[in-house]
Amino acid sequence: MITQDRMEMALTYIAESDQDAATKFAAVKLIEKHEKIVKALGMVDARKMHNTIADADAAVYRSPQYADWVNKYENAIADSKLAENKRDFERIIWETWRTEQANIRRS
């Protein structure tokens, strides 16, 4: 049985975490757009050292700058998903409490 206090904690968390969850989601979207910039800048340097586009492209994907971008992207996705999962869990608490209250009223 979910207590009134626990239900209130869930609602408070949901209400207060909107901005944080949105900010983390926006960070993912921004970092996704940065991939093109990282690749383009890497391609400029790689073309100086490689004769073919394929070789230059492969060099970009092996570059420290691209690896750094991948790491930032993975972390941003994990942060965003963690915030989303926590909010979903608190919604489950809220919905379970509502169901319990409905069952109590029916009995």
N, C-alpha and C. Protein backbone atom coordinates (compact mmCIF):
# COMPACT_ATOMS: atom_id res chain seq x y z
N MET A 1 0.85 -1.18 0.00
CA MET A 1 0.00 0.00 0.00
C MET A 1 0.89 1.25 0.00
N ILE A 2 0.58 2.15 -0.86
CA ILE A 2 1.35 3.39 -0.98
C ILE A 2 0.73 4.43 -0.06
N THR A 3 1.58 5.01 0.75
CA THR A 3 1.09 6.00 1.72
C THR A 3 0.83 7.34 1.04
N GLN A 4 0.07 8.16 1.74
CA GLN A 4 -0.22 9.52 1.27
C GLN A 4 1.08 10.31 1.12
N ASP A 5 1.99 10.15 2.08
CA ASP A 5 3.27 10.86 2.01
C ASP A 5 4.08 10.46 0.79
N ARG A 6 4.10 9.14 0.50
CA ARG A 6 4.87 8.66 -0.66
C ARG A 6 4.26 9.17 -1.95
N MET A 7 2.94 9.19 -2.02
CA MET A 7 2.26 9.71 -3.20
C MET A 7 2.57 11.19 -3.38
N GLU A 8 2.58 11.95 -2.31
CA GLU A 8 2.90 13.37 -2.39
C GLU A 8 4.34 13.59 -2.82
N MET A 9 5.24 12.73 -2.35
CA MET A 9 6.64 12.81 -2.78
C MET A 9 6.74 12.57 -4.29
N ALA A 10 5.98 11.61 -4.78
CA ALA A 10 6.00 11.30 -6.21
C ALA A 10 5.50 12.49 -7.03
N LEU A 11 4.38 13.07 -6.61
CA LEU A 11 3.83 14.22 -7.33
C LEU A 11 4.77 15.42 -7.28
N THR A 12 5.38 15.64 -6.15
CA THR A 12 6.33 16.74 -6.02
C THR A 12 7.51 16.54 -6.95
N TYR A 13 8.04 15.31 -6.98
CA TYR A 13 9.17 15.03 -7.86
C TYR A 13 8.80 15.26 -9.32
N ILE A 14 7.64 14.76 -9.72
CA ILE A 14 7.20 14.93 -11.10
C ILE A 14 7.08 16.42 -11.44
N ALA A 15 6.48 17.17 -10.54
CA ALA A 15 6.27 18.60 -10.79
C ALA A 15 7.59 19.37 -10.83
N GLU A 16 8.53 19.00 -9.99
CA GLU A 16 9.77 19.76 -9.87
C GLU A 16 10.87 19.29 -10.83
N SER A 17 10.67 18.18 -11.49
CA SER A 17 11.73 17.66 -12.36
C SER A 17 11.49 17.95 -13.85
N ASP A 18 10.45 18.69 -14.15
CA ASP A 18 10.15 19.01 -15.55
C ASP A 18 11.32 19.71 -16.23
N GLN A 19 11.82 20.76 -15.62
CA GLN A 19 12.89 21.55 -16.22
C GLN A 19 14.17 20.73 -16.40
N ASP A 20 14.52 19.96 -15.38
CA ASP A 20 15.73 19.13 -15.46
C ASP A 20 15.63 18.11 -16.58
N ALA A 21 14.50 17.44 -16.67
CA ALA A 21 14.30 16.43 -17.72
C ALA A 21 14.34 17.08 -19.10
N ALA A 22 13.71 18.22 -19.24
CA ALA A 22 13.70 18.92 -20.53
C ALA A 22 15.11 19.39 -20.91
N THR A 23 15.85 19.88 -19.94
CA THR A 23 17.21 20.34 -20.20
C THR A 23 18.10 19.19 -20.65
N LYS A 24 17.96 18.04 -20.01
CA LYS A 24 18.76 16.87 -20.39
C LYS A 24 18.38 16.37 -21.78
N PHE A 25 17.11 16.40 -22.10
CA PHE A 25 16.67 16.01 -23.43
C PHE A 25 17.20 16.98 -24.49
N ALA A 26 17.16 18.27 -24.18
CA ALA A 26 17.67 19.28 -25.10
C ALA A 26 19.17 19.12 -25.31
N ALA A 27 19.89 18.73 -24.27
CA ALA A 27 21.34 18.51 -24.40
C ALA A 27 21.61 17.39 -25.39
N VAL A 28 20.81 16.34 -25.35
CA VAL A 28 20.98 15.24 -26.30
C VAL A 28 20.79 15.76 -27.72
N LYS A 29 19.74 16.52 -27.94
CA LYS A 29 19.46 17.05 -29.28
C LYS A 29 20.57 17.97 -29.77
N LEU A 30 21.10 18.79 -28.89
CA LEU A 30 22.19 19.70 -29.26
C LEU A 30 23.45 18.92 -29.61
N ILE A 31 23.78 17.95 -28.81
CA ILE A 31 24.98 17.14 -29.06
C ILE A 31 24.83 16.36 -30.37
N GLU A 32 23.62 15.90 -30.67
CA GLU A 32 23.39 15.23 -31.95
C GLU A 32 23.75 16.15 -33.11
N LYS A 33 23.37 17.41 -33.02
CA LYS A 33 23.67 18.37 -34.08
C LYS A 33 25.17 18.65 -34.17
N HIS A 34 25.87 18.55 -33.07
CA HIS A 34 27.32 18.80 -33.06
C HIS A 34 28.10 17.74 -33.84
N GLU A 35 27.51 16.57 -34.04
CA GLU A 35 28.23 15.53 -34.76
C GLU A 35 28.66 16.01 -36.14
N LYS A 36 27.79 16.69 -36.83
CA LYS A 36 28.12 17.17 -38.18
C LYS A 36 29.30 18.15 -38.14
N ILE A 37 29.33 18.97 -37.12
CA ILE A 37 30.42 19.94 -36.99
C ILE A 37 31.73 19.21 -36.72
N VAL A 38 31.70 18.25 -35.80
CA VAL A 38 32.90 17.49 -35.47
C VAL A 38 33.40 16.75 -36.70
N LYS A 39 32.50 16.13 -37.43
CA LYS A 39 32.89 15.40 -38.64
C LYS A 39 33.44 16.34 -39.70
N ALA A 40 32.82 17.48 -39.90
CA ALA A 40 33.27 18.43 -40.92
C ALA A 40 34.66 18.96 -40.60
N LEU A 41 34.87 19.36 -39.35
CA LEU A 41 36.19 19.86 -38.96
C LEU A 41 37.25 18.77 -39.07
N GLY A 42 36.89 17.57 -38.69
CA GLY A 42 37.82 16.45 -38.80
C GLY A 42 38.13 16.14 -40.25
N MET A 43 37.15 16.27 -41.11
CA MET A 43 37.34 15.98 -42.53
C MET A 43 38.31 16.98 -43.16
N VAL A 44 38.24 18.23 -42.75
CA VAL A 44 39.16 19.24 -43.27
C VAL A 44 40.61 18.82 -42.99
N ASP A 45 40.87 18.41 -41.76
CA ASP A 45 42.22 17.98 -41.39
C ASP A 45 42.58 16.65 -42.06
N ALA A 46 41.64 15.73 -42.10
CA ALA A 46 41.91 14.40 -42.64
C ALA A 46 42.19 14.44 -44.14
N ARG A 47 41.54 15.33 -44.86
CA ARG A 47 41.75 15.42 -46.31
C ARG A 47 43.17 15.84 -46.65
N LYS A 48 43.82 16.54 -45.72
CA LYS A 48 45.21 16.97 -45.93
C LYS A 48 46.17 15.78 -45.90
N MET A 49 45.77 14.72 -45.19
CA MET A 49 46.67 13.59 -44.99
C MET A 49 46.25 12.34 -45.77
N HIS A 50 45.04 12.31 -46.31
CA HIS A 50 44.55 11.10 -47.00
C HIS A 50 44.13 11.43 -48.42
N ASN A 51 44.39 10.50 -49.32
CA ASN A 51 44.10 10.72 -50.74
C ASN A 51 42.63 10.50 -51.09
N THR A 52 41.97 9.61 -50.39
CA THR A 52 40.58 9.30 -50.75
C THR A 52 39.62 9.79 -49.66
N ILE A 53 38.40 10.02 -50.09
CA ILE A 53 37.35 10.43 -49.14
C ILE A 53 37.12 9.32 -48.11
N ALA A 54 37.13 8.09 -48.56
CA ALA A 54 36.90 6.96 -47.66
C ALA A 54 37.97 6.90 -46.57
N ASP A 55 39.23 7.09 -46.95
CA ASP A 55 40.31 7.09 -45.95
C ASP A 55 40.17 8.25 -44.98
N ALA A 56 39.83 9.42 -45.52
CA ALA A 56 39.65 10.59 -44.67
C ALA A 56 38.47 10.39 -43.72
N ASP A 57 37.40 9.83 -44.25
CA ASP A 57 36.21 9.56 -43.43
C ASP A 57 36.54 8.59 -42.30
N ALA A 58 37.28 7.55 -42.62
CA ALA A 58 37.69 6.59 -41.60
C ALA A 58 38.57 7.25 -40.55
N ALA A 59 39.44 8.15 -40.98
CA ALA A 59 40.31 8.86 -40.03
C ALA A 59 39.49 9.74 -39.09
N VAL A 60 38.44 10.35 -39.61
CA VAL A 60 37.57 11.18 -38.77
C VAL A 60 36.96 10.34 -37.66
N TYR A 61 36.45 9.16 -38.01
CA TYR A 61 35.80 8.30 -37.02
C TYR A 61 36.79 7.76 -36.00
N ARG A 62 38.07 7.73 -36.33
CA ARG A 62 39.10 7.27 -35.38
C ARG A 62 39.70 8.41 -34.57
N SER A 63 39.33 9.63 -34.88
CA SER A 63 39.96 10.79 -34.24
C SER A 63 39.55 10.95 -32.78
N PRO A 64 40.43 11.56 -31.98
CA PRO A 64 40.10 11.83 -30.57
C PRO A 64 38.89 12.77 -30.44
N GLN A 65 38.74 13.69 -31.39
CA GLN A 65 37.60 14.62 -31.32
C GLN A 65 36.28 13.88 -31.50
N TYR A 66 36.26 12.93 -32.42
CA TYR A 66 35.03 12.17 -32.64
C TYR A 66 34.77 11.25 -31.45
N ALA A 67 35.82 10.64 -30.92
CA ALA A 67 35.66 9.78 -29.73
C ALA A 67 35.12 10.59 -28.56
N ASP A 68 35.60 11.82 -28.41
CA ASP A 68 35.10 12.71 -27.35
C ASP A 68 33.63 13.02 -27.57
N TRP A 69 33.25 13.28 -28.83
CA TRP A 69 31.85 13.55 -29.13
C TRP A 69 30.98 12.33 -28.79
N VAL A 70 31.44 11.14 -29.16
CA VAL A 70 30.68 9.92 -28.87
C VAL A 70 30.50 9.77 -27.36
N ASN A 71 31.55 10.03 -26.61
CA ASN A 71 31.47 9.91 -25.15
C ASN A 71 30.46 10.91 -24.58
N LYS A 72 30.51 12.15 -25.04
CA LYS A 72 29.55 13.16 -24.58
C LYS A 72 28.12 12.77 -24.95
N TYR A 73 27.95 12.26 -26.15
CA TYR A 73 26.63 11.86 -26.62
C TYR A 73 26.07 10.71 -25.79
N GLU A 74 26.89 9.70 -25.54
CA GLU A 74 26.45 8.57 -24.72
C GLU A 74 26.07 9.02 -23.32
N ASN A 75 26.88 9.90 -22.73
CA ASN A 75 26.58 10.39 -21.38
C ASN A 75 25.29 11.21 -21.35
N ALA A 76 25.09 12.03 -22.38
CA ALA A 76 23.87 12.85 -22.44
C ALA A 76 22.64 11.97 -22.58
N ILE A 77 22.73 10.94 -23.41
CA ILE A 77 21.60 10.01 -23.56
C ILE A 77 21.33 9.31 -22.24
N ALA A 78 22.37 8.84 -21.57
CA ALA A 78 22.19 8.15 -20.29
C ALA A 78 21.55 9.07 -19.25
N ASP A 79 22.01 10.32 -19.18
CA ASP A 79 21.43 11.27 -18.23
C ASP A 79 19.96 11.53 -18.53
N SER A 80 19.66 11.72 -19.81
CA SER A 80 18.28 11.99 -20.21
C SER A 80 17.38 10.79 -19.92
N LYS A 81 17.86 9.61 -20.25
CA LYS A 81 17.06 8.40 -20.02
C LYS A 81 16.86 8.14 -18.54
N LEU A 82 17.89 8.40 -17.74
CA LEU A 82 17.76 8.23 -16.29
C LEU A 82 16.69 9.16 -15.72
N ALA A 83 16.70 10.41 -16.17
CA ALA A 83 15.68 11.36 -15.71
C ALA A 83 14.29 10.91 -16.15
N GLU A 84 14.18 10.45 -17.38
CA GLU A 84 12.89 9.95 -17.90
C GLU A 84 12.41 8.73 -17.11
N ASN A 85 13.32 7.81 -16.84
CA ASN A 85 12.96 6.60 -16.09
C ASN A 85 12.50 6.93 -14.67
N LYS A 86 13.19 7.86 -14.01
CA LYS A 86 12.82 8.25 -12.65
C LYS A 86 11.43 8.89 -12.66
N ARG A 87 11.17 9.74 -13.64
CA ARG A 87 9.84 10.36 -13.73
C ARG A 87 8.77 9.31 -14.00
N ASP A 88 9.07 8.36 -14.87
CA ASP A 88 8.12 7.27 -15.15
C ASP A 88 7.83 6.46 -13.90
N PHE A 89 8.87 6.18 -13.11
CA PHE A 89 8.69 5.42 -11.88
C PHE A 89 7.77 6.17 -10.92
N GLU A 90 7.98 7.47 -10.79
CA GLU A 90 7.13 8.26 -9.89
C GLU A 90 5.69 8.33 -10.41
N ARG A 91 5.52 8.31 -11.72
CA ARG A 91 4.15 8.26 -12.27
C ARG A 91 3.49 6.93 -11.93
N ILE A 92 4.26 5.86 -11.93
CA ILE A 92 3.72 4.55 -11.54
C ILE A 92 3.26 4.58 -10.09
N ILE A 93 4.06 5.20 -9.23
CA ILE A 93 3.67 5.34 -7.81
C ILE A 93 2.33 6.08 -7.74
N TRP A 94 2.22 7.19 -8.46
CA TRP A 94 1.00 7.99 -8.46
C TRP A 94 -0.19 7.18 -8.97
N GLU A 95 -0.03 6.49 -10.08
CA GLU A 95 -1.12 5.70 -10.66
C GLU A 95 -1.52 4.54 -9.75
N THR A 96 -0.53 3.93 -9.11
CA THR A 96 -0.83 2.83 -8.18
C THR A 96 -1.62 3.36 -7.00
N TRP A 97 -1.23 4.50 -6.47
CA TRP A 97 -1.95 5.11 -5.35
C TRP A 97 -3.39 5.41 -5.77
N ARG A 98 -3.57 5.95 -6.97
CA ARG A 98 -4.92 6.25 -7.46
C ARG A 98 -5.77 4.98 -7.55
N THR A 99 -5.17 3.89 -8.04
CA THR A 99 -5.88 2.62 -8.16
C THR A 99 -6.26 2.10 -6.78
N GLU A 100 -5.33 2.18 -5.85
CA GLU A 100 -5.61 1.72 -4.48
C GLU A 100 -6.75 2.54 -3.88
N GLN A 101 -6.76 3.84 -4.11
CA GLN A 101 -7.82 4.69 -3.55
C GLN A 101 -9.17 4.35 -4.17
N ALA A 102 -9.18 4.05 -5.46
CA ALA A 102 -10.42 3.67 -6.13
C ALA A 102 -10.93 2.34 -5.57
N ASN A 103 -10.02 1.41 -5.34
CA ASN A 103 -10.40 0.11 -4.77
C ASN A 103 -10.96 0.26 -3.36
N ILE A 104 -10.38 1.16 -2.59
CA ILE A 104 -10.86 1.40 -1.22
C ILE A 104 -12.28 1.97 -1.29
N ARG A 105 -12.52 2.91 -2.18
CA ARG A 105 -13.86 3.52 -2.31
C ARG A 105 -14.89 2.48 -2.73
N ARG A 106 -14.52 1.53 -3.58
CA ARG A 106 -15.45 0.51 -4.06
C ARG A 106 -15.79 -0.50 -3.00
N SER A 107 -14.88 -0.71 -2.05
CA SER A 107 -15.14 -1.77 -1.06
C SER A 107 -15.93 -1.28 0.13
